[in-house]
Amino acid sequence: MILRSNIQTTDEQNVFFAADFHLYHKNVIRFDGRPHENVIDMNEDIIKKWNDKVRPNDIVFYLGDFAFTSKNKIRELVHRFNGKITFIMGNHDRYNTLQATGKFDGIYDSGEVYVNGQL
């Protein structure tokens, strides 16, 4: 499914784009040189930084590769993130797992997003 969206924001709403958190993926710490001792520290740091920026009513387009773990752990994590999240699939994501969380406003294979008339 392809997302085609034209978002009109208000003063009380921001739009964010994020990608490649790879939560619970221990090797990404080394591969990407992330400053964390382990995946729990990395996950908690990402959630804290996200929620420091993203308010509950903000719109977020997440551009793939959210987590590298079980369906249950993903379900637990995703509900800790603020915002109204639309998900564009990455190569490490599984549609059924993401759909089962009940968190996302939509899950798409690809998309085109305009924000206040700009691509």
PDB file of N, CA and C in Angstrom:
ATOM      1  N   MET A   1       0.832  -1.172   0.000  1.00  0.00           N
ATOM      2  CA  MET A   1       0.000   0.000   0.000  1.00  0.00           C
ATOM      3  C   MET A   1       0.887   1.248   0.000  1.00  0.00           C
ATOM      4  N   ILE A   2       0.497   2.253  -0.747  1.00  0.00           N
ATOM      5  CA  ILE A   2       1.275   3.485  -0.862  1.00  0.00           C
ATOM      6  C   ILE A   2       0.531   4.623  -0.173  1.00  0.00           C
ATOM      7  N   LEU A   3       1.234   5.345   0.674  1.00  0.00           N
ATOM      8  CA  LEU A   3       0.671   6.498   1.369  1.00  0.00           C
ATOM      9  C   LEU A   3       0.761   7.729   0.476  1.00  0.00           C
ATOM     10  N   ARG A   4      -0.324   8.434   0.340  1.00  0.00           N
ATOM     11  CA  ARG A   4      -0.356   9.743  -0.311  1.00  0.00           C
ATOM     12  C   ARG A   4      -1.021  10.662   0.694  1.00  0.00           C
ATOM     13  N   SER A   5      -0.272  11.616   1.226  1.00  0.00           N
ATOM     14  CA  SER A   5      -0.794  12.422   2.310  1.00  0.00           C
ATOM     15  C   SER A   5      -0.443  13.898   2.125  1.00  0.00           C
ATOM     16  N   ASN A   6      -1.382  14.758   2.473  1.00  0.00           N
ATOM     17  CA  ASN A   6      -1.158  16.198   2.477  1.00  0.00           C
ATOM     18  C   ASN A   6      -1.579  16.701   3.846  1.00  0.00           C
ATOM     19  N   ILE A   7      -0.619  16.969   4.691  1.00  0.00           N
ATOM     20  CA  ILE A   7      -0.852  17.370   6.077  1.00  0.00           C
ATOM     21  C   ILE A   7      -0.882  18.887   6.182  1.00  0.00           C
ATOM     22  N   GLN A   8      -1.896  19.397   6.840  1.00  0.00           N
ATOM     23  CA  GLN A   8      -1.974  20.820   7.163  1.00  0.00           C
ATOM     24  C   GLN A   8      -1.851  20.919   8.681  1.00  0.00           C
ATOM     25  N   THR A   9      -0.795  21.555   9.153  1.00  0.00           N
ATOM     26  CA  THR A   9      -0.557  21.620  10.594  1.00  0.00           C
ATOM     27  C   THR A   9      -1.183  22.869  11.193  1.00  0.00           C
ATOM     28  N   THR A  10      -1.283  22.866  12.506  1.00  0.00           N
ATOM     29  CA  THR A  10      -1.734  24.020  13.276  1.00  0.00           C
ATOM     30  C   THR A  10      -0.570  24.479  14.140  1.00  0.00           C
ATOM     31  N   ASP A  11      -0.732  25.592  14.827  1.00  0.00           N
ATOM     32  CA  ASP A  11       0.320  26.087  15.724  1.00  0.00           C
ATOM     33  C   ASP A  11       0.573  25.126  16.884  1.00  0.00           C
ATOM     34  N   GLU A  12      -0.410  24.309  17.205  1.00  0.00           N
ATOM     35  CA  GLU A  12      -0.272  23.366  18.321  1.00  0.00           C
ATOM     36  C   GLU A  12       0.214  21.989  17.883  1.00  0.00           C
ATOM     37  N   GLN A  13       0.621  21.870  16.633  1.00  0.00           N
ATOM     38  CA  GLN A  13       0.977  20.551  16.114  1.00  0.00           C
ATOM     39  C   GLN A  13       2.223  20.639  15.239  1.00  0.00           C
ATOM     40  N   ASN A  14       3.167  19.760  15.511  1.00  0.00           N
ATOM     41  CA  ASN A  14       4.378  19.659  14.700  1.00  0.00           C
ATOM     42  C   ASN A  14       4.343  18.365  13.906  1.00  0.00           C
ATOM     43  N   VAL A  15       5.145  18.313  12.844  1.00  0.00           N
ATOM     44  CA  VAL A  15       5.311  17.103  12.050  1.00  0.00           C
ATOM     45  C   VAL A  15       6.774  16.699  12.142  1.00  0.00           C
ATOM     46  N   PHE A  16       6.994  15.429  12.441  1.00  0.00           N
ATOM     47  CA  PHE A  16       8.345  14.886  12.550  1.00  0.00           C
ATOM     48  C   PHE A  16       8.501  13.693  11.621  1.00  0.00           C
ATOM     49  N   PHE A  17       9.744  13.450  11.231  1.00  0.00           N
ATOM     50  CA  PHE A  17      10.118  12.261  10.483  1.00  0.00           C
ATOM     51  C   PHE A  17      11.244  11.592  11.260  1.00  0.00           C
ATOM     52  N   ALA A  18      11.151  10.277  11.423  1.00  0.00           N
ATOM     53  CA  ALA A  18      12.177   9.533  12.159  1.00  0.00           C
ATOM     54  C   ALA A  18      12.368   8.182  11.488  1.00  0.00           C
ATOM     55  N   ALA A  19      13.519   7.561  11.737  1.00  0.00           N
ATOM     56  CA  ALA A  19      13.790   6.251  11.134  1.00  0.00           C
ATOM     57  C   ALA A  19      14.940   5.552  11.846  1.00  0.00           C
ATOM     58  N   ASP A  20      15.008   4.269  11.613  1.00  0.00           N
ATOM     59  CA  ASP A  20      16.172   3.442  11.947  1.00  0.00           C
ATOM     60  C   ASP A  20      16.551   3.410  13.418  1.00  0.00           C
ATOM     61  N   PHE A  21      15.565   3.282  14.286  1.00  0.00           N
ATOM     62  CA  PHE A  21      15.888   3.149  15.714  1.00  0.00           C
ATOM     63  C   PHE A  21      16.527   1.790  16.001  1.00  0.00           C
ATOM     64  N   HIS A  22      16.088   0.754  15.334  1.00  0.00           N
ATOM     65  CA  HIS A  22      16.611  -0.597  15.557  1.00  0.00           C
ATOM     66  C   HIS A  22      16.634  -0.950  17.035  1.00  0.00           C
ATOM     67  N   LEU A  23      15.531  -0.674  17.722  1.00  0.00           N
ATOM     68  CA  LEU A  23      15.437  -0.997  19.142  1.00  0.00           C
ATOM     69  C   LEU A  23      15.681  -2.487  19.356  1.00  0.00           C
ATOM     70  N   TYR A  24      16.338  -2.793  20.443  1.00  0.00           N
ATOM     71  CA  TYR A  24      16.712  -4.158  20.820  1.00  0.00           C
ATOM     72  C   TYR A  24      17.733  -4.816  19.893  1.00  0.00           C
ATOM     73  N   HIS A  25      18.284  -4.085  18.952  1.00  0.00           N
ATOM     74  CA  HIS A  25      19.270  -4.664  18.035  1.00  0.00           C
ATOM     75  C   HIS A  25      20.667  -4.388  18.604  1.00  0.00           C
ATOM     76  N   LYS A  26      21.228  -5.359  19.296  1.00  0.00           N
ATOM     77  CA  LYS A  26      22.491  -5.133  20.007  1.00  0.00           C
ATOM     78  C   LYS A  26      23.645  -4.793  19.065  1.00  0.00           C
ATOM     79  N   ASN A  27      23.681  -5.371  17.878  1.00  0.00           N
ATOM     80  CA  ASN A  27      24.794  -5.102  16.969  1.00  0.00           C
ATOM     81  C   ASN A  27      24.780  -3.691  16.401  1.00  0.00           C
ATOM     82  N   VAL A  28      23.614  -3.032  16.377  1.00  0.00           N
ATOM     83  CA  VAL A  28      23.549  -1.674  15.841  1.00  0.00           C
ATOM     84  C   VAL A  28      24.338  -0.698  16.720  1.00  0.00           C
ATOM     85  N   ILE A  29      24.486  -1.023  17.986  1.00  0.00           N
ATOM     86  CA  ILE A  29      25.284  -0.173  18.883  1.00  0.00           C
ATOM     87  C   ILE A  29      26.713  -0.089  18.352  1.00  0.00           C
ATOM     88  N   ARG A  30      27.262  -1.227  17.991  1.00  0.00           N
ATOM     89  CA  ARG A  30      28.628  -1.268  17.456  1.00  0.00           C
ATOM     90  C   ARG A  30      28.677  -0.771  16.010  1.00  0.00           C
ATOM     91  N   PHE A  31      27.755  -1.246  15.173  1.00  0.00           N
ATOM     92  CA  PHE A  31      27.747  -0.873  13.747  1.00  0.00           C
ATOM     93  C   PHE A  31      27.661   0.640  13.556  1.00  0.00           C
ATOM     94  N   ASP A  32      26.788   1.285  14.325  1.00  0.00           N
ATOM     95  CA  ASP A  32      26.543   2.720  14.165  1.00  0.00           C
ATOM     96  C   ASP A  32      27.321   3.591  15.147  1.00  0.00           C
ATOM     97  N   GLY A  33      28.104   2.962  16.008  1.00  0.00           N
ATOM     98  CA  GLY A  33      28.864   3.720  16.993  1.00  0.00           C
ATOM     99  C   GLY A  33      27.971   4.459  17.983  1.00  0.00           C
ATOM    100  N   ARG A  34      26.860   3.845  18.354  1.00  0.00           N
ATOM    101  CA  ARG A  34      25.940   4.484  19.296  1.00  0.00           C
ATOM    102  C   ARG A  34      26.544   4.481  20.699  1.00  0.00           C
ATOM    103  N   PRO A  35      26.340   5.558  21.444  1.00  0.00           N
ATOM    104  CA  PRO A  35      26.983   5.708  22.757  1.00  0.00           C
ATOM    105  C   PRO A  35      26.216   5.023  23.885  1.00  0.00           C
ATOM    106  N   HIS A  36      25.947   3.734  23.755  1.00  0.00           N
ATOM    107  CA  HIS A  36      25.179   3.011  24.763  1.00  0.00           C
ATOM    108  C   HIS A  36      25.911   1.738  25.156  1.00  0.00           C
ATOM    109  N   GLU A  37      25.716   1.347  26.410  1.00  0.00           N
ATOM    110  CA  GLU A  37      26.340   0.124  26.928  1.00  0.00           C
ATOM    111  C   GLU A  37      25.598  -1.136  26.482  1.00  0.00           C
ATOM    112  N   ASN A  38      24.267  -1.024  26.340  1.00  0.00           N
ATOM    113  CA  ASN A  38      23.451  -2.179  25.990  1.00  0.00           C
ATOM    114  C   ASN A  38      22.134  -1.718  25.368  1.00  0.00           C
ATOM    115  N   VAL A  39      21.323  -2.661  24.907  1.00  0.00           N
ATOM    116  CA  VAL A  39      20.091  -2.300  24.202  1.00  0.00           C
ATOM    117  C   VAL A  39      19.054  -1.657  25.108  1.00  0.00           C
ATOM    118  N   ILE A  40      19.021  -2.022  26.364  1.00  0.00           N
ATOM    119  CA  ILE A  40      18.053  -1.411  27.291  1.00  0.00           C
ATOM    120  C   ILE A  40      18.373   0.071  27.453  1.00  0.00           C
ATOM    121  N   ASP A  41      19.645   0.401  27.659  1.00  0.00           N
ATOM    122  CA  ASP A  41      20.045   1.810  27.758  1.00  0.00           C
ATOM    123  C   ASP A  41      19.729   2.555  26.460  1.00  0.00           C
ATOM    124  N   MET A  42      20.010   1.934  25.324  1.00  0.00           N
ATOM    125  CA  MET A  42      19.740   2.563  24.036  1.00  0.00           C
ATOM    126  C   MET A  42      18.243   2.817  23.868  1.00  0.00           C
ATOM    127  N   ASN A  43      17.424   1.789  24.133  1.00  0.00           N
ATOM    128  CA  ASN A  43      15.974   1.936  23.998  1.00  0.00           C
ATOM    129  C   ASN A  43      15.451   3.071  24.865  1.00  0.00           C
ATOM    130  N   GLU A  44      15.863   3.091  26.125  1.00  0.00           N
ATOM    131  CA  GLU A  44      15.380   4.109  27.063  1.00  0.00           C
ATOM    132  C   GLU A  44      15.821   5.513  26.640  1.00  0.00           C
ATOM    133  N   ASP A  45      17.035   5.640  26.141  1.00  0.00           N
ATOM    134  CA  ASP A  45      17.535   6.935  25.682  1.00  0.00           C
ATOM    135  C   ASP A  45      16.731   7.431  24.480  1.00  0.00           C
ATOM    136  N   ILE A  46      16.450   6.546  23.544  1.00  0.00           N
ATOM    137  CA  ILE A  46      15.672   6.919  22.358  1.00  0.00           C
ATOM    138  C   ILE A  46      14.258   7.337  22.751  1.00  0.00           C
ATOM    139  N   ILE A  47      13.616   6.574  23.616  1.00  0.00           N
ATOM    140  CA  ILE A  47      12.251   6.913  24.057  1.00  0.00           C
ATOM    141  C   ILE A  47      12.236   8.253  24.770  1.00  0.00           C
ATOM    142  N   LYS A  48      13.200   8.483  25.644  1.00  0.00           N
ATOM    143  CA  LYS A  48      13.250   9.750  26.382  1.00  0.00           C
ATOM    144  C   LYS A  48      13.440  10.925  25.424  1.00  0.00           C
ATOM    145  N   LYS A  49      14.387  10.811  24.505  1.00  0.00           N
ATOM    146  CA  LYS A  49      14.643  11.905  23.563  1.00  0.00           C
ATOM    147  C   LYS A  49      13.427  12.153  22.665  1.00  0.00           C
ATOM    148  N   TRP A  50      12.773  11.091  22.231  1.00  0.00           N
ATOM    149  CA  TRP A  50      11.561  11.215  21.417  1.00  0.00           C
ATOM    150  C   TRP A  50      10.497  11.982  22.194  1.00  0.00           C
ATOM    151  N   ASN A  51      10.193  11.526  23.406  1.00  0.00           N
ATOM    152  CA  ASN A  51       9.113  12.128  24.182  1.00  0.00           C
ATOM    153  C   ASN A  51       9.448  13.530  24.693  1.00  0.00           C
ATOM    154  N   ASP A  52      10.726  13.877  24.754  1.00  0.00           N
ATOM    155  CA  ASP A  52      11.118  15.253  25.080  1.00  0.00           C
ATOM    156  C   ASP A  52      10.755  16.203  23.936  1.00  0.00           C
ATOM    157  N   LYS A  53      10.682  15.704  22.718  1.00  0.00           N
ATOM    158  CA  LYS A  53      10.389  16.511  21.517  1.00  0.00           C
ATOM    159  C   LYS A  53       8.950  16.378  21.037  1.00  0.00           C
ATOM    160  N   VAL A  54       8.471  15.153  20.966  1.00  0.00           N
ATOM    161  CA  VAL A  54       7.173  14.854  20.352  1.00  0.00           C
ATOM    162  C   VAL A  54       6.076  14.893  21.413  1.00  0.00           C
ATOM    163  N   ARG A  55       5.078  15.732  21.149  1.00  0.00           N
ATOM    164  CA  ARG A  55       3.927  15.813  22.055  1.00  0.00           C
ATOM    165  C   ARG A  55       2.856  14.817  21.601  1.00  0.00           C
ATOM    166  N   PRO A  56       1.905  14.499  22.467  1.00  0.00           N
ATOM    167  CA  PRO A  56       0.889  13.500  22.114  1.00  0.00           C
ATOM    168  C   PRO A  56       0.103  13.805  20.830  1.00  0.00           C
ATOM    169  N   ASN A  57      -0.120  15.071  20.504  1.00  0.00           N
ATOM    170  CA  ASN A  57      -0.911  15.432  19.333  1.00  0.00           C
ATOM    171  C   ASN A  57      -0.067  15.665  18.069  1.00  0.00           C
ATOM    172  N   ASP A  58       1.248  15.577  18.182  1.00  0.00           N
ATOM    173  CA  ASP A  58       2.122  15.768  17.021  1.00  0.00           C
ATOM    174  C   ASP A  58       1.983  14.597  16.051  1.00  0.00           C
ATOM    175  N   ILE A  59       2.294  14.876  14.789  1.00  0.00           N
ATOM    176  CA  ILE A  59       2.237  13.867  13.731  1.00  0.00           C
ATOM    177  C   ILE A  59       3.656  13.400  13.438  1.00  0.00           C
ATOM    178  N   VAL A  60       3.828  12.089  13.392  1.00  0.00           N
ATOM    179  CA  VAL A  60       5.144  11.517  13.104  1.00  0.00           C
ATOM    180  C   VAL A  60       5.019  10.519  11.964  1.00  0.00           C
ATOM    181  N   PHE A  61       5.939  10.624  11.020  1.00  0.00           N
ATOM    182  CA  PHE A  61       6.080   9.620   9.969  1.00  0.00           C
ATOM    183  C   PHE A  61       7.347   8.848  10.302  1.00  0.00           C
ATOM    184  N   TYR A  62       7.166   7.598  10.651  1.00  0.00           N
ATOM    185  CA  TYR A  62       8.315   6.761  10.979  1.00  0.00           C
ATOM    186  C   TYR A  62       8.686   5.967   9.729  1.00  0.00           C
ATOM    187  N   LEU A  63       9.943   6.116   9.304  1.00  0.00           N
ATOM    188  CA  LEU A  63      10.380   5.611   8.004  1.00  0.00           C
ATOM    189  C   LEU A  63      11.169   4.314   8.091  1.00  0.00           C
ATOM    190  N   GLY A  64      10.720   3.410   8.908  1.00  0.00           N
ATOM    191  CA  GLY A  64      11.225   2.050   8.889  1.00  0.00           C
ATOM    192  C   GLY A  64      12.311   1.678   9.867  1.00  0.00           C
ATOM    193  N   ASP A  65      12.396   0.363  10.078  1.00  0.00           N
ATOM    194  CA  ASP A  65      13.376  -0.289  10.942  1.00  0.00           C
ATOM    195  C   ASP A  65      13.249   0.166  12.389  1.00  0.00           C
ATOM    196  N   PHE A  66      12.091  -0.137  12.959  1.00  0.00           N
ATOM    197  CA  PHE A  66      11.774   0.273  14.321  1.00  0.00           C
ATOM    198  C   PHE A  66      12.468  -0.587  15.373  1.00  0.00           C
ATOM    199  N   ALA A  67      12.276  -1.899  15.306  1.00  0.00           N
ATOM    200  CA  ALA A  67      12.823  -2.771  16.352  1.00  0.00           C
ATOM    201  C   ALA A  67      13.197  -4.135  15.783  1.00  0.00           C
ATOM    202  N   PHE A  68      14.121  -4.762  16.452  1.00  0.00           N
ATOM    203  CA  PHE A  68      14.643  -6.068  16.051  1.00  0.00           C
ATOM    204  C   PHE A  68      14.424  -7.020  17.231  1.00  0.00           C
ATOM    205  N   THR A  69      13.148  -7.392  17.440  1.00  0.00           N
ATOM    206  CA  THR A  69      12.808  -8.203  18.604  1.00  0.00           C
ATOM    207  C   THR A  69      11.439  -8.845  18.409  1.00  0.00           C
ATOM    208  N   SER A  70      10.914  -9.424  19.456  1.00  0.00           N
ATOM    209  CA  SER A  70       9.639 -10.134  19.389  1.00  0.00           C
ATOM    210  C   SER A  70       8.442  -9.188  19.313  1.00  0.00           C
ATOM    211  N   LYS A  71       7.326  -9.745  18.881  1.00  0.00           N
ATOM    212  CA  LYS A  71       6.068  -9.003  18.776  1.00  0.00           C
ATOM    213  C   LYS A  71       5.673  -8.404  20.132  1.00  0.00           C
ATOM    214  N   ASN A  72       5.818  -9.170  21.201  1.00  0.00           N
ATOM    215  CA  ASN A  72       5.428  -8.689  22.532  1.00  0.00           C
ATOM    216  C   ASN A  72       6.279  -7.513  22.995  1.00  0.00           C
ATOM    217  N   LYS A  73       7.578  -7.572  22.760  1.00  0.00           N
ATOM    218  CA  LYS A  73       8.459  -6.469  23.171  1.00  0.00           C
ATOM    219  C   LYS A  73       8.176  -5.213  22.343  1.00  0.00           C
ATOM    220  N   ILE A  74       7.902  -5.395  21.056  1.00  0.00           N
ATOM    221  CA  ILE A  74       7.556  -4.243  20.210  1.00  0.00           C
ATOM    222  C   ILE A  74       6.269  -3.612  20.715  1.00  0.00           C
ATOM    223  N   ARG A  75       5.285  -4.417  21.033  1.00  0.00           N
ATOM    224  CA  ARG A  75       4.005  -3.919  21.539  1.00  0.00           C
ATOM    225  C   ARG A  75       4.213  -3.108  22.825  1.00  0.00           C
ATOM    226  N   GLU A  76       5.063  -3.599  23.717  1.00  0.00           N
ATOM    227  CA  GLU A  76       5.345  -2.885  24.969  1.00  0.00           C
ATOM    228  C   GLU A  76       6.019  -1.539  24.705  1.00  0.00           C
ATOM    229  N   LEU A  77       6.977  -1.532  23.798  1.00  0.00           N
ATOM    230  CA  LEU A  77       7.741  -0.318  23.515  1.00  0.00           C
ATOM    231  C   LEU A  77       6.934   0.762  22.813  1.00  0.00           C
ATOM    232  N   VAL A  78       6.217   0.382  21.784  1.00  0.00           N
ATOM    233  CA  VAL A  78       5.612   1.357  20.889  1.00  0.00           C
ATOM    234  C   VAL A  78       4.601   2.260  21.603  1.00  0.00           C
ATOM    235  N   HIS A  79       3.948   1.748  22.602  1.00  0.00           N
ATOM    236  CA  HIS A  79       2.948   2.555  23.312  1.00  0.00           C
ATOM    237  C   HIS A  79       3.580   3.572  24.260  1.00  0.00           C
ATOM    238  N   ARG A  80       4.867   3.529  24.392  1.00  0.00           N
ATOM    239  CA  ARG A  80       5.571   4.517  25.222  1.00  0.00           C
ATOM    240  C   ARG A  80       5.961   5.760  24.422  1.00  0.00           C
ATOM    241  N   PHE A  81       5.762   5.740  23.107  1.00  0.00           N
ATOM    242  CA  PHE A  81       6.136   6.856  22.240  1.00  0.00           C
ATOM    243  C   PHE A  81       4.949   7.806  22.048  1.00  0.00           C
ATOM    244  N   ASN A  82       5.192   9.098  22.277  1.00  0.00           N
ATOM    245  CA  ASN A  82       4.170  10.116  22.029  1.00  0.00           C
ATOM    246  C   ASN A  82       3.906  10.258  20.535  1.00  0.00           C
ATOM    247  N   GLY A  83       2.783  10.870  20.221  1.00  0.00           N
ATOM    248  CA  GLY A  83       2.487  11.258  18.855  1.00  0.00           C
ATOM    249  C   GLY A  83       1.546  10.325  18.136  1.00  0.00           C
ATOM    250  N   LYS A  84       1.041  10.845  17.027  1.00  0.00           N
ATOM    251  CA  LYS A  84       0.202  10.086  16.101  1.00  0.00           C
ATOM    252  C   LYS A  84       1.131   9.616  14.991  1.00  0.00           C
ATOM    253  N   ILE A  85       1.430   8.326  14.975  1.00  0.00           N
ATOM    254  CA  ILE A  85       2.504   7.794  14.142  1.00  0.00           C
ATOM    255  C   ILE A  85       1.960   7.044  12.933  1.00  0.00           C
ATOM    256  N   THR A  86       2.419   7.447  11.760  1.00  0.00           N
ATOM    257  CA  THR A  86       2.174   6.720  10.524  1.00  0.00           C
ATOM    258  C   THR A  86       3.478   6.023  10.163  1.00  0.00           C
ATOM    259  N   PHE A  87       3.394   4.762   9.822  1.00  0.00           N
ATOM    260  CA  PHE A  87       4.576   3.929   9.632  1.00  0.00           C
ATOM    261  C   PHE A  87       4.776   3.582   8.163  1.00  0.00           C
ATOM    262  N   ILE A  88       5.980   3.828   7.670  1.00  0.00           N
ATOM    263  CA  ILE A  88       6.413   3.373   6.352  1.00  0.00           C
ATOM    264  C   ILE A  88       7.383   2.216   6.605  1.00  0.00           C
ATOM    265  N   MET A  89       7.108   1.076   6.028  1.00  0.00           N
ATOM    266  CA  MET A  89       7.868  -0.143   6.316  1.00  0.00           C
ATOM    267  C   MET A  89       9.338  -0.039   5.907  1.00  0.00           C
ATOM    268  N   GLY A  90      10.193  -0.604   6.753  1.00  0.00           N
ATOM    269  CA  GLY A  90      11.604  -0.776   6.445  1.00  0.00           C
ATOM    270  C   GLY A  90      11.883  -2.248   6.184  1.00  0.00           C
ATOM    271  N   ASN A  91      13.096  -2.557   5.797  1.00  0.00           N
ATOM    272  CA  ASN A  91      13.419  -3.949   5.461  1.00  0.00           C
ATOM    273  C   ASN A  91      13.472  -4.879   6.671  1.00  0.00           C
ATOM    274  N   HIS A  92      13.525  -4.337   7.902  1.00  0.00           N
ATOM    275  CA  HIS A  92      13.520  -5.185   9.092  1.00  0.00           C
ATOM    276  C   HIS A  92      12.160  -5.239   9.780  1.00  0.00           C
ATOM    277  N   ASP A  93      11.152  -4.601   9.211  1.00  0.00           N
ATOM    278  CA  ASP A  93       9.832  -4.545   9.826  1.00  0.00           C
ATOM    279  C   ASP A  93       8.912  -5.624   9.254  1.00  0.00           C
ATOM    280  N   ARG A  94       7.959  -6.065  10.071  1.00  0.00           N
ATOM    281  CA  ARG A  94       6.969  -7.053   9.660  1.00  0.00           C
ATOM    282  C   ARG A  94       5.578  -6.444   9.852  1.00  0.00           C
ATOM    283  N   TYR A  95       4.805  -6.420   8.788  1.00  0.00           N
ATOM    284  CA  TYR A  95       3.486  -5.783   8.798  1.00  0.00           C
ATOM    285  C   TYR A  95       2.597  -6.320   9.927  1.00  0.00           C
ATOM    286  N   ASN A  96       2.484  -7.627  10.054  1.00  0.00           N
ATOM    287  CA  ASN A  96       1.602  -8.221  11.061  1.00  0.00           C
ATOM    288  C   ASN A  96       2.009  -7.832  12.478  1.00  0.00           C
ATOM    289  N   THR A  97       3.300  -7.758  12.719  1.00  0.00           N
ATOM    290  CA  THR A  97       3.793  -7.354  14.035  1.00  0.00           C
ATOM    291  C   THR A  97       3.410  -5.910  14.322  1.00  0.00           C
ATOM    292  N   LEU A  98       3.623  -5.019  13.359  1.00  0.00           N
ATOM    293  CA  LEU A  98       3.302  -3.606  13.554  1.00  0.00           C
ATOM    294  C   LEU A  98       1.794  -3.402  13.692  1.00  0.00           C
ATOM    295  N   GLN A  99       1.018  -4.085  12.881  1.00  0.00           N
ATOM    296  CA  GLN A  99      -0.431  -3.956  12.933  1.00  0.00           C
ATOM    297  C   GLN A  99      -0.968  -4.421  14.287  1.00  0.00           C
ATOM    298  N   ALA A 100      -0.380  -5.451  14.847  1.00  0.00           N
ATOM    299  CA  ALA A 100      -0.843  -6.016  16.110  1.00  0.00           C
ATOM    300  C   ALA A 100      -0.654  -5.058  17.288  1.00  0.00           C
ATOM    301  N   THR A 101       0.200  -4.055  17.135  1.00  0.00           N
ATOM    302  CA  THR A 101       0.412  -3.123  18.249  1.00  0.00           C
ATOM    303  C   THR A 101      -0.790  -2.217  18.475  1.00  0.00           C
ATOM    304  N   GLY A 102      -1.548  -1.936  17.419  1.00  0.00           N
ATOM    305  CA  GLY A 102      -2.684  -1.032  17.535  1.00  0.00           C
ATOM    306  C   GLY A 102      -2.297   0.423  17.721  1.00  0.00           C
ATOM    307  N   LYS A 103      -1.040   0.766  17.550  1.00  0.00           N
ATOM    308  CA  LYS A 103      -0.547   2.118  17.800  1.00  0.00           C
ATOM    309  C   LYS A 103      -0.574   3.013  16.563  1.00  0.00           C
ATOM    310  N   PHE A 104      -0.303   2.462  15.404  1.00  0.00           N
ATOM    311  CA  PHE A 104      -0.029   3.273  14.227  1.00  0.00           C
ATOM    312  C   PHE A 104      -1.306   3.714  13.511  1.00  0.00           C
ATOM    313  N   ASP A 105      -1.291   4.961  13.036  1.00  0.00           N
ATOM    314  CA  ASP A 105      -2.422   5.497  12.286  1.00  0.00           C
ATOM    315  C   ASP A 105      -2.520   4.874  10.901  1.00  0.00           C
ATOM    316  N   GLY A 106      -1.455   4.299  10.435  1.00  0.00           N
ATOM    317  CA  GLY A 106      -1.417   3.604   9.158  1.00  0.00           C
ATOM    318  C   GLY A 106      -0.065   2.961   8.978  1.00  0.00           C
ATOM    319  N   ILE A 107      -0.028   1.896   8.189  1.00  0.00           N
ATOM    320  CA  ILE A 107       1.218   1.192   7.895  1.00  0.00           C
ATOM    321  C   ILE A 107       1.280   1.029   6.382  1.00  0.00           C
ATOM    322  N   TYR A 108       2.361   1.519   5.773  1.00  0.00           N
ATOM    323  CA  TYR A 108       2.464   1.573   4.320  1.00  0.00           C
ATOM    324  C   TYR A 108       3.805   1.028   3.844  1.00  0.00           C
ATOM    325  N   ASP A 109       3.835   0.611   2.581  1.00  0.00           N
ATOM    326  CA  ASP A 109       5.071   0.141   1.962  1.00  0.00           C
ATOM    327  C   ASP A 109       5.948   1.299   1.508  1.00  0.00           C
ATOM    328  N   SER A 110       5.325   2.381   1.070  1.00  0.00           N
ATOM    329  CA  SER A 110       6.051   3.571   0.634  1.00  0.00           C
ATOM    330  C   SER A 110       5.085   4.742   0.696  1.00  0.00           C
ATOM    331  N   GLY A 111       5.591   5.937   0.434  1.00  0.00           N
ATOM    332  CA  GLY A 111       4.684   7.057   0.511  1.00  0.00           C
ATOM    333  C   GLY A 111       5.241   8.353  -0.020  1.00  0.00           C
ATOM    334  N   GLU A 112       4.325   9.295  -0.148  1.00  0.00           N
ATOM    335  CA  GLU A 112       4.642  10.655  -0.563  1.00  0.00           C
ATOM    336  C   GLU A 112       3.870  11.569   0.375  1.00  0.00           C
ATOM    337  N   VAL A 113       4.584  12.426   1.084  1.00  0.00           N
ATOM    338  CA  VAL A 113       3.957  13.249   2.111  1.00  0.00           C
ATOM    339  C   VAL A 113       4.234  14.718   1.821  1.00  0.00           C
ATOM    340  N   TYR A 114       3.173  15.493   1.795  1.00  0.00           N
ATOM    341  CA  TYR A 114       3.263  16.947   1.697  1.00  0.00           C
ATOM    342  C   TYR A 114       2.890  17.512   3.054  1.00  0.00           C
ATOM    343  N   VAL A 115       3.689  18.456   3.528  1.00  0.00           N
ATOM    344  CA  VAL A 115       3.405  19.147   4.781  1.00  0.00           C
ATOM    345  C   VAL A 115       3.198  20.605   4.456  1.00  0.00           C
ATOM    346  N   ASN A 116       1.997  21.097   4.737  1.00  0.00           N
ATOM    347  CA  ASN A 116       1.627  22.464   4.403  1.00  0.00           C
ATOM    348  C   ASN A 116       1.962  22.806   2.943  1.00  0.00           C
ATOM    349  N   GLY A 117       1.676  21.846   2.055  1.00  0.00           N
ATOM    350  CA  GLY A 117       1.861  22.047   0.622  1.00  0.00           C
ATOM    351  C   GLY A 117       3.250  21.778   0.081  1.00  0.00           C
ATOM    352  N   GLN A 118       4.194  21.429   0.958  1.00  0.00           N
ATOM    353  CA  GLN A 118       5.558  21.149   0.492  1.00  0.00           C
ATOM    354  C   GLN A 118       5.856  19.659   0.598  1.00  0.00           C
ATOM    355  N   LEU A 119       6.488  19.127  -0.458  1.00  0.00           N
ATOM    356  CA  LEU A 119       6.886  17.719  -0.469  1.00  0.00           C
ATOM    357  C   LEU A 119       8.069  17.504   0.421  1.00  0.00           C
TER     358      LEU A 119
END
